Amino acid sequence: MFTKNSKKIVLAIFLIAILIRLVGITMPILEGSATRQTQTAMISRNFFNDGFDILYPRVDSAGTDKGYHLLEFPIVTALAALIYGLLGGAHAWVGRLISIVFFAGAFLFLYDLTRRLFSERTAIWAVIVFSISPLSIIFSRTFMPDFAMLFFCIGSIYFMYLYSSAGSRSGFWLSCAFSAVALLAKPQSFYIVVPLIYLLWQKEKVRFFLSPRNWIYLIIALLPAILWYTHAGSVMRQLSAGEAYNFEFLHWFQPRLFLQKELYIDLLNIYSGIFLTPVGFALFIGALFLKTAKEKALIWAWFAGVILFMAVFNSHIDLEYYNLIMLPVASIFIARMIEFLATLDWRQKTFLKNRVAQVILCIILLAPILRYALYAYIVPRGYRYLPVAGERIQELSSKEDLIIASSAGGPQGLYFCDRKGWSFLLPVSDGKEAEEAIEELKAMRRQGARFFVATVMADLNASPAFKRYMFKNYRLIEDEPGEYIIFSLR
């Protein structure tokens, strides 16, 4: 049961966690993963502008092609487009707000699940860790589907726990519904099968295999995802072999990576840095050695599911946000370690009673969190002038003009130009690389490209041959030194 004080503490943590994520909510969607954010925002904007053809979400970076971009089912993008309709315009902060709402729901599920498994104090520490992880702060306010996935994954485990521990039939079917949506939100959600099977086995033992209800659960949970990913893969394969790489198993699973030390170095840097900070990582490792009562072993099944995910998607776990899947269960482990440390006899540690020592300890704990969390509120230097350049393109061009936008090879530039066209990766040297870039630009021009805009001046200057070609063959419209440059390709 909740105590009066615990309600106040949880509410305070909840409100603070939401408020720090609302800071700078209208800033350009360029922190975190700018490519992923702008792709998501493009799809929402096209839903809003062109109608809800939800089976064929489109981006703007395919030039004269239709621009179909199918991977996960467009839950977040469709929600954002619906809200755009209510607001009368496309505003990227809506996507941020949706992620924050899903974070809030995940927070509440995680708190109550941990409270039921362990104790209120453990649950409070778990949601504190869940809230202040720098990776959580950064990606829970991005225009991406990752926190929607976390919300539905935790919800599925939570409701199955209610069924397993208390026989809640509604919990069983709610878990089924949440599992189905989680798999649609991102296919990486498959890892929840391990904790779900554990909970069912704990409840039903051998009857688990014989229950028709469990097989119905499996069909309902899997069928929407199977239908969607079959459709998505079919559409993307029809476009080109290059567009279908996301549906190739070996794109995600590459066994040779297990033999490369770089994979483990990358993971160590992520977990001891932007994800958990050195302090959180040390607590997490220590918690793995704590004894766990048999009836509370759900966290180990959950952890095993995450490890399975990391093994299957090993080619992508060096990307920071792919490790968010570990965050909820890691938060519980760390909370247990904090609780364990709190039970030790610290009366002899007189230095901890010293006010100066307490201040120093707080700085040691908070400094790494602040250092990494600041990335949530800062536009990277190379992207700083994208919004300004995009506004100029909108003033200089018509809605039908096709644009070549260079911004580290991603679709970020096109998104802020609010035009269709091509993203372009500038050559970083002369010779063959510059020649290939010139030929690629010529091909885009033949297909109708009318303007070229670049905002990363260091990249443009990296290939003098490509830069000379641009100035010699096309009319310079605008050159803001150190900010952006625009050429007419007419």
Protein backbone atom coordinates (compact mmCIF):
# COMPACT_ATOMS: atom_id res chain seq x y z
CA MET A 1 0.00 0.00 0.00
CA PHE A 2 0.98 3.60 -0.56
CA THR A 3 1.87 5.69 2.46
CA LYS A 4 1.00 9.36 2.55
CA ASN A 5 4.66 10.39 2.40
CA SER A 6 5.49 8.03 -0.47
CA LYS A 7 2.65 9.51 -2.54
CA LYS A 8 4.12 12.98 -2.09
CA ILE A 9 7.65 11.83 -2.87
CA VAL A 10 6.61 9.97 -6.02
CA LEU A 11 4.46 12.89 -7.18
CA ALA A 12 7.36 15.29 -6.65
CA ILE A 13 9.78 13.05 -8.57
CA PHE A 14 7.21 12.61 -11.33
CA LEU A 15 6.58 16.34 -11.73
CA ILE A 16 10.28 17.24 -11.65
CA ALA A 17 11.02 14.52 -14.24
CA ILE A 18 8.34 15.91 -16.55
CA LEU A 19 9.36 19.54 -16.06
CA ILE A 20 13.03 18.98 -16.90
CA ARG A 21 11.91 17.30 -20.13
CA LEU A 22 9.68 20.23 -21.06
CA VAL A 23 12.60 22.67 -20.97
CA GLY A 24 13.38 23.80 -24.52
CA ILE A 25 10.61 21.70 -25.98
CA THR A 26 10.35 23.99 -29.03
CA MET A 27 14.06 23.78 -29.92
CA PRO A 28 14.93 22.26 -33.34
CA ILE A 29 14.80 18.45 -33.39
CA LEU A 30 18.54 18.10 -33.97
CA GLU A 31 19.92 16.68 -30.71
CA GLY A 32 20.03 12.96 -29.95
CA SER A 33 19.60 11.25 -33.31
CA ALA A 34 18.84 14.08 -35.74
CA THR A 35 18.42 11.72 -38.70
CA ARG A 36 15.87 9.54 -36.89
CA GLN A 37 13.99 12.52 -35.52
CA THR A 38 13.66 14.35 -38.83
CA GLN A 39 12.59 11.18 -40.65
CA THR A 40 9.85 10.69 -38.07
CA ALA A 41 8.82 14.34 -38.30
CA MET A 42 8.72 14.20 -42.10
CA ILE A 43 6.29 11.29 -42.01
CA SER A 44 4.01 13.14 -39.57
CA ARG A 45 4.09 16.30 -41.65
CA ASN A 46 3.25 14.36 -44.81
CA PHE A 47 0.34 12.65 -43.05
CA PHE A 48 -0.91 16.09 -42.07
CA ASN A 49 -0.37 17.70 -45.48
CA ASP A 50 -1.32 14.85 -47.81
CA GLY A 51 -3.76 12.70 -45.84
CA PHE A 52 -3.56 9.58 -43.67
CA ASP A 53 -2.34 6.86 -45.95
CA ILE A 54 -1.06 5.05 -42.87
CA LEU A 55 0.02 1.98 -44.83
CA TYR A 56 2.40 4.09 -46.92
CA PRO A 57 4.23 6.63 -44.74
CA ARG A 58 6.52 8.89 -46.78
CA VAL A 59 9.63 10.99 -46.25
CA ASP A 60 10.85 13.91 -48.35
CA SER A 61 14.35 12.66 -49.09
CA ALA A 62 13.61 10.35 -52.05
CA GLY A 63 13.78 12.98 -54.80
CA THR A 64 11.27 12.27 -57.56
CA ASP A 65 10.31 8.88 -56.09
CA LYS A 66 7.26 8.41 -53.87
CA GLY A 67 9.40 8.43 -50.76
CA TYR A 68 7.87 5.44 -49.00
CA HIS A 69 9.65 4.75 -45.72
CA LEU A 70 8.27 1.74 -43.88
CA LEU A 71 9.82 0.16 -40.82
CA GLU A 72 7.88 0.18 -37.55
CA PHE A 73 4.15 0.87 -37.63
CA PRO A 74 3.66 4.67 -37.57
CA ILE A 75 2.05 5.01 -34.14
CA VAL A 76 3.89 8.12 -32.96
CA THR A 77 3.81 9.78 -36.38
CA ALA A 78 0.06 9.23 -36.73
CA LEU A 79 -0.60 10.60 -33.23
CA ALA A 80 1.49 13.67 -34.02
CA ALA A 81 -0.35 14.24 -37.31
CA LEU A 82 -3.72 14.03 -35.53
CA ILE A 83 -2.58 16.70 -33.07
CA TYR A 84 -1.25 18.79 -35.97
CA GLY A 85 -4.79 18.75 -37.30
CA LEU A 86 -6.16 20.05 -34.01
CA LEU A 87 -3.51 22.77 -33.89
CA GLY A 88 -3.87 23.71 -37.56
CA GLY A 89 -0.18 23.24 -38.37
CA ALA A 90 2.84 20.94 -38.15
CA HIS A 91 4.88 21.64 -35.01
CA ALA A 92 7.77 19.32 -34.17
CA TRP A 93 7.41 19.98 -30.44
CA VAL A 94 4.24 17.87 -30.59
CA GLY A 95 6.41 14.83 -31.28
CA ARG A 96 8.56 15.69 -28.28
CA LEU A 97 5.46 16.01 -26.11
CA ILE A 98 4.18 12.61 -27.21
CA SER A 99 7.48 11.00 -26.15
CA ILE A 100 7.28 12.77 -22.78
CA VAL A 101 3.74 11.44 -22.26
CA PHE A 102 4.93 7.90 -23.00
CA PHE A 103 7.83 8.44 -20.59
CA ALA A 104 5.31 9.47 -17.92
CA GLY A 105 3.29 6.30 -18.48
CA ALA A 106 6.41 4.13 -18.37
CA PHE A 107 7.42 5.87 -15.11
CA LEU A 108 4.12 4.92 -13.46
CA PHE A 109 4.22 1.31 -14.68
CA LEU A 110 7.80 0.90 -13.51
CA TYR A 111 7.05 2.39 -10.10
CA ASP A 112 4.07 0.18 -9.35
CA LEU A 113 5.69 -2.97 -10.71
CA THR A 114 8.84 -2.43 -8.61
CA ARG A 115 6.74 -1.57 -5.56
CA ARG A 116 4.81 -4.82 -5.87
CA LEU A 117 7.97 -6.85 -6.45
CA PHE A 118 10.14 -5.29 -3.75
CA SER A 119 9.17 -2.23 -1.70
CA GLU A 120 8.10 1.39 -1.96
CA ARG A 121 11.61 2.63 -1.26
CA THR A 122 13.09 0.42 -3.97
CA ALA A 123 10.39 1.62 -6.36
CA ILE A 124 11.17 5.27 -5.57
CA TRP A 125 14.86 4.75 -6.24
CA ALA A 126 14.06 2.87 -9.45
CA VAL A 127 12.04 5.72 -10.91
CA ILE A 128 14.66 8.24 -9.82
CA VAL A 129 17.29 6.31 -11.78
CA PHE A 130 14.86 5.88 -14.69
CA SER A 131 14.25 9.64 -14.70
CA ILE A 132 17.78 10.99 -14.33
CA SER A 133 19.68 8.66 -16.64
CA PRO A 134 21.14 11.11 -19.18
CA LEU A 135 20.11 8.79 -22.01
CA SER A 136 16.56 8.84 -20.64
CA ILE A 137 16.51 12.63 -20.45
CA ILE A 138 17.83 12.99 -24.00
CA PHE A 139 15.63 10.46 -25.78
CA SER A 140 12.43 10.77 -23.76
CA ARG A 141 12.00 14.22 -25.35
CA THR A 142 12.93 13.36 -28.93
CA PHE A 143 10.56 12.89 -31.86
CA MET A 144 11.15 9.13 -31.99
CA PRO A 145 9.15 5.96 -31.19
CA ASP A 146 11.54 4.57 -28.57
CA PHE A 147 9.70 5.66 -25.43
CA ALA A 148 6.41 4.56 -26.92
CA MET A 149 8.02 1.13 -27.25
CA LEU A 150 9.26 1.25 -23.63
CA PHE A 151 5.80 2.24 -22.39
CA PHE A 152 4.09 -0.70 -24.09
CA CYS A 153 6.85 -3.16 -23.14
CA ILE A 154 6.78 -2.26 -19.44
CA GLY A 155 2.98 -2.20 -19.55
CA SER A 156 2.87 -5.69 -21.03
CA ILE A 157 5.16 -7.06 -18.30
CA TYR A 158 3.24 -5.14 -15.61
CA PHE A 159 -0.16 -6.54 -16.58
CA MET A 160 1.19 -10.06 -16.97
CA TYR A 161 2.63 -9.76 -13.47
CA LEU A 162 -0.86 -8.88 -12.19
CA TYR A 163 -2.16 -12.03 -13.84
CA SER A 164 0.70 -14.17 -12.55
CA SER A 165 0.60 -12.90 -8.98
CA ALA A 166 -3.10 -12.23 -8.47
CA GLY A 167 -4.88 -14.10 -11.26
CA SER A 168 -6.12 -10.92 -12.94
CA ARG A 169 -7.84 -11.98 -16.18
CA SER A 170 -8.08 -8.39 -17.34
CA GLY A 171 -4.35 -8.12 -16.69
CA PHE A 172 -3.75 -11.10 -19.00
CA TRP A 173 -5.62 -9.57 -21.92
CA LEU A 174 -4.25 -6.08 -21.33
CA SER A 175 -0.77 -7.60 -21.43
CA CYS A 176 -1.71 -9.19 -24.74
CA ALA A 177 -2.86 -5.86 -26.18
CA PHE A 178 0.25 -4.04 -24.93
CA SER A 179 2.49 -6.76 -26.40
CA ALA A 180 0.83 -6.41 -29.80
CA VAL A 181 1.29 -2.63 -29.84
CA ALA A 182 4.86 -2.90 -28.49
CA LEU A 183 5.85 -5.16 -31.40
CA LEU A 184 4.26 -2.73 -33.83
CA ALA A 185 5.97 0.24 -32.18
CA LYS A 186 9.41 -1.34 -32.72
CA PRO A 187 10.29 -4.94 -33.60
CA GLN A 188 13.04 -4.87 -30.95
CA SER A 189 10.24 -5.36 -28.43
CA PHE A 190 10.44 -9.11 -29.04
CA TYR A 191 12.69 -9.37 -25.96
CA ILE A 192 9.66 -9.16 -23.65
CA VAL A 193 8.82 -12.74 -24.59
CA VAL A 194 11.37 -13.95 -22.00
CA PRO A 195 9.87 -12.22 -18.91
CA LEU A 196 6.34 -12.96 -20.17
CA ILE A 197 7.05 -16.69 -20.52
CA TYR A 198 8.68 -16.66 -17.08
CA LEU A 199 5.57 -15.11 -15.51
CA LEU A 200 3.25 -17.55 -17.27
CA TRP A 201 5.38 -20.50 -16.21
CA GLN A 202 5.43 -19.21 -12.65
CA LYS A 203 1.64 -19.11 -12.68
CA GLU A 204 0.75 -22.23 -14.68
CA LYS A 205 3.80 -24.52 -14.77
CA VAL A 206 3.25 -27.32 -17.35
CA ARG A 207 -0.30 -26.10 -18.08
CA PHE A 208 1.38 -23.12 -19.75
CA PHE A 209 1.84 -25.19 -22.94
CA LEU A 210 -1.68 -26.63 -22.92
CA SER A 211 -3.79 -23.54 -22.28
CA PRO A 212 -5.74 -22.42 -25.40
CA ARG A 213 -5.83 -18.94 -23.90
CA ASN A 214 -2.03 -18.68 -24.07
CA TRP A 215 -2.02 -19.65 -27.74
CA ILE A 216 -4.71 -17.05 -28.43
CA TYR A 217 -2.50 -14.50 -26.63
CA LEU A 218 0.40 -15.47 -28.92
CA ILE A 219 -1.69 -15.11 -32.08
CA ILE A 220 -3.16 -11.75 -31.07
CA ALA A 221 0.24 -10.39 -30.02
CA LEU A 222 2.10 -11.56 -33.13
CA LEU A 223 -0.43 -11.33 -35.97
CA PRO A 224 -0.55 -7.49 -36.32
CA ALA A 225 3.26 -7.31 -36.32
CA ILE A 226 3.58 -10.15 -38.85
CA LEU A 227 1.07 -8.51 -41.18
CA TRP A 228 2.69 -5.08 -40.87
CA TYR A 229 6.32 -6.15 -41.32
CA THR A 230 5.38 -8.44 -44.22
CA HIS A 231 3.68 -5.49 -45.90
CA ALA A 232 6.52 -3.10 -45.06
CA GLY A 233 9.20 -5.46 -46.33
CA SER A 234 7.26 -6.08 -49.55
CA VAL A 235 6.89 -2.36 -50.26
CA MET A 236 10.52 -1.53 -49.54
CA ARG A 237 11.81 -4.46 -51.64
CA GLN A 238 9.78 -3.24 -54.60
CA LEU A 239 11.54 0.12 -54.42
CA SER A 240 15.09 -1.23 -54.56
CA ALA A 241 17.41 -3.71 -52.92
CA GLY A 242 19.06 -0.82 -51.10
CA GLU A 243 15.76 0.23 -49.54
CA ALA A 244 15.10 -3.25 -48.15
CA TYR A 245 18.23 -3.57 -46.00
CA ASN A 246 16.26 -3.02 -42.78
CA PHE A 247 14.40 -6.27 -43.47
CA GLU A 248 17.54 -8.36 -43.89
CA PHE A 249 18.38 -10.34 -40.74
CA LEU A 250 22.12 -10.03 -41.30
CA HIS A 251 21.76 -6.27 -41.30
CA TRP A 252 20.97 -6.53 -37.59
CA PHE A 253 22.86 -9.67 -36.58
CA GLN A 254 26.53 -9.96 -37.50
CA PRO A 255 28.27 -12.80 -35.62
CA ARG A 256 31.76 -11.53 -36.44
CA LEU A 257 31.16 -8.50 -34.22
CA PHE A 258 31.31 -10.72 -31.12
CA LEU A 259 35.00 -11.27 -31.87
CA GLN A 260 35.80 -7.57 -32.17
CA LYS A 261 36.90 -5.79 -29.02
CA GLU A 262 35.54 -2.48 -30.38
CA LEU A 263 31.98 -3.67 -29.72
CA TYR A 264 32.68 -4.20 -26.02
CA ILE A 265 34.63 -0.94 -25.74
CA ASP A 266 31.70 0.94 -27.26
CA LEU A 267 29.26 -0.69 -24.84
CA LEU A 268 31.50 0.06 -21.86
CA ASN A 269 31.73 3.70 -22.93
CA ILE A 270 27.95 3.95 -23.31
CA TYR A 271 27.05 2.24 -20.03
CA SER A 272 29.69 4.00 -17.94
CA GLY A 273 29.02 7.29 -19.66
CA ILE A 274 25.86 8.73 -21.17
CA PHE A 275 23.63 5.83 -20.09
CA LEU A 276 24.32 5.18 -16.40
CA THR A 277 27.35 7.41 -15.66
CA PRO A 278 30.32 5.82 -13.83
CA VAL A 279 28.46 5.80 -10.51
CA GLY A 280 25.31 4.21 -11.92
CA PHE A 281 27.31 1.64 -13.87
CA ALA A 282 29.24 0.62 -10.74
CA LEU A 283 25.97 0.24 -8.82
CA PHE A 284 24.48 -1.79 -11.66
CA ILE A 285 27.42 -4.21 -11.77
CA GLY A 286 27.33 -4.55 -7.96
CA ALA A 287 23.60 -5.28 -8.02
CA LEU A 288 24.12 -8.25 -10.31
CA PHE A 289 25.76 -10.03 -7.36
CA LEU A 290 22.91 -9.45 -4.91
CA LYS A 291 20.80 -12.46 -3.97
CA THR A 292 17.27 -12.45 -5.32
CA ALA A 293 14.37 -14.36 -3.81
CA LYS A 294 12.84 -16.92 -6.16
CA GLU A 295 9.48 -15.16 -6.25
CA LYS A 296 11.21 -11.93 -7.33
CA ALA A 297 13.32 -13.45 -10.09
CA LEU A 298 11.26 -11.66 -12.74
CA ILE A 299 14.04 -9.07 -12.96
CA TRP A 300 16.48 -11.78 -14.02
CA ALA A 301 14.14 -13.05 -16.73
CA TRP A 302 13.70 -9.44 -17.85
CA PHE A 303 17.47 -8.95 -17.87
CA ALA A 304 17.92 -12.18 -19.86
CA GLY A 305 15.45 -10.90 -22.45
CA VAL A 306 17.47 -7.71 -22.86
CA ILE A 307 20.69 -9.69 -23.25
CA LEU A 308 18.94 -11.76 -25.95
CA PHE A 309 17.99 -8.53 -27.71
CA MET A 310 21.58 -7.26 -27.53
CA ALA A 311 22.83 -10.52 -29.05
CA VAL A 312 20.32 -10.50 -31.92
CA PHE A 313 20.69 -6.78 -32.71
CA ASN A 314 24.43 -6.70 -32.10
CA SER A 315 25.19 -4.57 -35.17
CA HIS A 316 23.21 -1.66 -33.70
CA ILE A 317 23.83 -1.76 -29.96
CA ASP A 318 26.76 0.60 -30.37
CA LEU A 319 24.08 3.22 -31.07
CA GLU A 320 23.24 4.80 -27.75
CA TYR A 321 19.46 4.85 -28.00
CA TYR A 322 19.26 1.13 -28.85
CA ASN A 323 20.36 0.50 -25.26
CA LEU A 324 17.28 2.23 -23.81
CA ILE A 325 15.70 -1.22 -23.64
CA MET A 326 18.03 -1.96 -20.72
CA LEU A 327 17.00 1.15 -18.78
CA PRO A 328 13.88 -0.06 -16.88
CA VAL A 329 15.39 -3.29 -15.56
CA ALA A 330 18.77 -1.62 -14.91
CA SER A 331 16.90 0.98 -12.85
CA ILE A 332 15.45 -1.77 -10.65
CA PHE A 333 18.85 -3.42 -10.21
CA ILE A 334 20.47 -0.12 -9.25
CA ALA A 335 17.63 0.68 -6.85
CA ARG A 336 18.22 -2.66 -5.12
CA MET A 337 21.92 -1.87 -4.77
CA ILE A 338 21.12 1.52 -3.25
CA GLU A 339 18.77 -0.16 -0.79
CA PHE A 340 21.46 -2.69 0.07
CA LEU A 341 24.02 0.05 0.73
CA ALA A 342 21.49 1.86 2.89
CA THR A 343 21.29 -1.17 5.20
CA LEU A 344 25.02 -1.10 5.95
CA ASP A 345 26.29 0.43 9.16
CA TRP A 346 27.65 3.84 8.17
CA ARG A 347 27.86 5.19 11.74
CA GLN A 348 31.64 4.77 11.78
CA LYS A 349 31.95 6.70 8.53
CA THR A 350 32.18 10.05 10.27
CA PHE A 351 33.38 11.80 7.13
CA LEU A 352 29.90 11.36 5.64
CA LYS A 353 28.50 13.49 8.48
CA ASN A 354 30.72 16.37 7.46
CA ARG A 355 28.80 19.01 5.46
CA VAL A 356 31.70 19.67 3.10
CA ALA A 357 32.05 15.93 2.44
CA GLN A 358 28.35 15.73 1.71
CA VAL A 359 28.58 18.58 -0.81
CA ILE A 360 31.57 16.95 -2.51
CA LEU A 361 29.71 13.63 -2.66
CA CYS A 362 26.67 15.32 -4.28
CA ILE A 363 28.92 16.95 -6.87
CA ILE A 364 30.55 13.61 -7.67
CA LEU A 365 27.13 12.03 -8.14
CA LEU A 366 25.46 14.86 -10.07
CA ALA A 367 28.29 16.20 -12.24
CA PRO A 368 28.33 13.26 -14.71
CA ILE A 369 24.54 13.36 -15.01
CA LEU A 370 24.56 17.09 -15.76
CA ARG A 371 27.47 16.74 -18.15
CA TYR A 372 25.71 14.20 -20.37
CA ALA A 373 22.15 15.41 -19.88
CA LEU A 374 23.06 18.83 -21.30
CA TYR A 375 23.20 17.17 -24.73
CA ALA A 376 19.39 17.10 -24.55
CA TYR A 377 19.25 20.88 -24.71
CA ILE A 378 22.06 21.76 -27.14
CA VAL A 379 21.88 21.75 -30.94
CA PRO A 380 25.16 20.27 -32.27
CA ARG A 381 27.41 22.89 -33.83
CA GLY A 382 27.25 21.36 -37.29
CA TYR A 383 23.43 21.62 -37.32
CA ARG A 384 23.11 25.04 -35.73
CA TYR A 385 22.25 26.92 -38.92
CA LEU A 386 19.94 24.36 -40.51
CA PRO A 387 16.72 26.11 -39.44
CA VAL A 388 17.95 29.48 -40.79
CA ALA A 389 19.10 27.96 -44.09
CA GLY A 390 15.79 26.13 -44.36
CA GLU A 391 13.84 29.36 -43.94
CA ARG A 392 15.90 31.00 -46.72
CA ILE A 393 15.23 28.09 -49.07
CA GLN A 394 11.51 28.43 -48.38
CA GLU A 395 11.73 32.13 -49.30
CA LEU A 396 13.76 31.52 -52.47
CA SER A 397 11.93 28.47 -53.84
CA SER A 398 8.44 27.32 -54.64
CA LYS A 399 6.81 24.36 -52.90
CA GLU A 400 7.35 22.20 -55.98
CA ASP A 401 11.10 22.86 -56.30
CA LEU A 402 13.38 19.95 -55.57
CA ILE A 403 16.30 20.62 -53.24
CA ILE A 404 19.69 19.02 -52.67
CA ALA A 405 20.50 19.54 -49.00
CA SER A 406 23.80 18.59 -47.42
CA SER A 407 23.81 18.08 -43.67
CA ALA A 408 26.10 15.19 -42.73
CA GLY A 409 24.34 13.03 -45.31
CA GLY A 410 21.04 12.86 -43.41
CA PRO A 411 17.57 14.26 -44.16
CA GLN A 412 17.85 17.05 -41.58
CA GLY A 413 18.38 19.80 -44.16
CA LEU A 414 15.39 18.80 -46.26
CA TYR A 415 13.14 18.71 -43.22
CA PHE A 416 13.90 22.33 -42.34
CA CYS A 417 13.67 23.38 -45.99
CA ASP A 418 10.17 21.84 -46.04
CA ARG A 419 10.85 20.66 -49.56
CA LYS A 420 11.28 17.34 -51.29
CA GLY A 421 14.59 16.37 -52.80
CA TRP A 422 17.76 14.56 -51.88
CA SER A 423 20.10 14.50 -48.93
CA PHE A 424 23.71 14.76 -50.07
CA LEU A 425 26.94 13.60 -48.49
CA LEU A 426 29.74 16.03 -49.32
CA PRO A 427 33.12 14.53 -50.26
CA VAL A 428 35.80 14.92 -47.62
CA SER A 429 38.69 14.72 -50.06
CA ASP A 430 39.56 15.28 -53.73
CA GLY A 431 40.18 12.61 -56.30
CA LYS A 432 37.70 9.79 -56.88
CA GLU A 433 35.46 10.76 -53.98
CA ALA A 434 35.00 14.30 -55.33
CA GLU A 435 34.41 12.99 -58.86
CA GLU A 436 31.70 10.60 -57.66
CA ALA A 437 30.01 13.38 -55.68
CA ILE A 438 30.00 15.63 -58.76
CA GLU A 439 28.46 12.90 -60.91
CA GLU A 440 25.83 12.24 -58.23
CA LEU A 441 24.93 15.92 -58.10
CA LYS A 442 24.66 16.06 -61.90
CA ALA A 443 22.28 13.08 -61.85
CA MET A 444 20.09 14.81 -59.25
CA ARG A 445 20.09 17.98 -61.34
CA ARG A 446 18.94 16.00 -64.40
CA GLN A 447 16.04 14.70 -62.30
CA GLY A 448 14.96 18.25 -61.52
CA ALA A 449 16.99 19.55 -58.57
CA ARG A 450 16.80 23.36 -58.51
CA PHE A 451 18.77 24.42 -55.44
CA PHE A 452 21.77 23.18 -53.49
CA VAL A 453 22.20 24.13 -49.84
CA ALA A 454 25.00 23.20 -47.45
CA THR A 455 25.27 24.12 -43.80
CA VAL A 456 28.37 22.24 -42.64
CA MET A 457 31.01 24.56 -44.06
CA ALA A 458 33.91 22.43 -42.84
CA ASP A 459 32.67 19.57 -45.02
CA LEU A 460 32.29 21.82 -48.06
CA ASN A 461 35.83 23.10 -47.60
CA ALA A 462 37.22 19.57 -47.18
CA SER A 463 37.17 19.01 -50.96
CA PRO A 464 38.56 22.02 -52.88
CA ALA A 465 37.84 20.25 -56.18
CA PHE A 466 34.12 19.87 -55.41
CA LYS A 467 33.93 23.44 -54.10
CA ARG A 468 35.59 24.79 -57.29
CA TYR A 469 33.13 22.81 -59.39
CA MET A 470 30.17 24.37 -57.60
CA PHE A 471 31.41 27.94 -57.92
CA LYS A 472 32.39 27.45 -61.57
CA ASN A 473 29.20 25.82 -62.80
CA TYR A 474 26.34 27.21 -60.72
CA ARG A 475 25.09 30.59 -59.64
CA LEU A 476 25.80 31.51 -56.03
CA ILE A 477 22.62 32.86 -54.47
CA GLU A 478 23.64 33.38 -50.90
CA ASP A 479 26.78 32.80 -48.86
CA GLU A 480 26.69 33.38 -45.12
CA PRO A 481 30.28 32.68 -44.03
CA GLY A 482 30.47 29.94 -41.45
CA GLU A 483 26.71 29.35 -41.60
CA TYR A 484 25.33 28.18 -44.94
CA ILE A 485 25.69 28.52 -48.70
CA ILE A 486 23.02 28.27 -51.41
CA PHE A 487 23.49 27.69 -55.16
CA SER A 488 20.92 27.78 -57.95
CA LEU A 489 21.17 24.72 -60.17
CA ARG A 490 18.97 26.09 -62.96
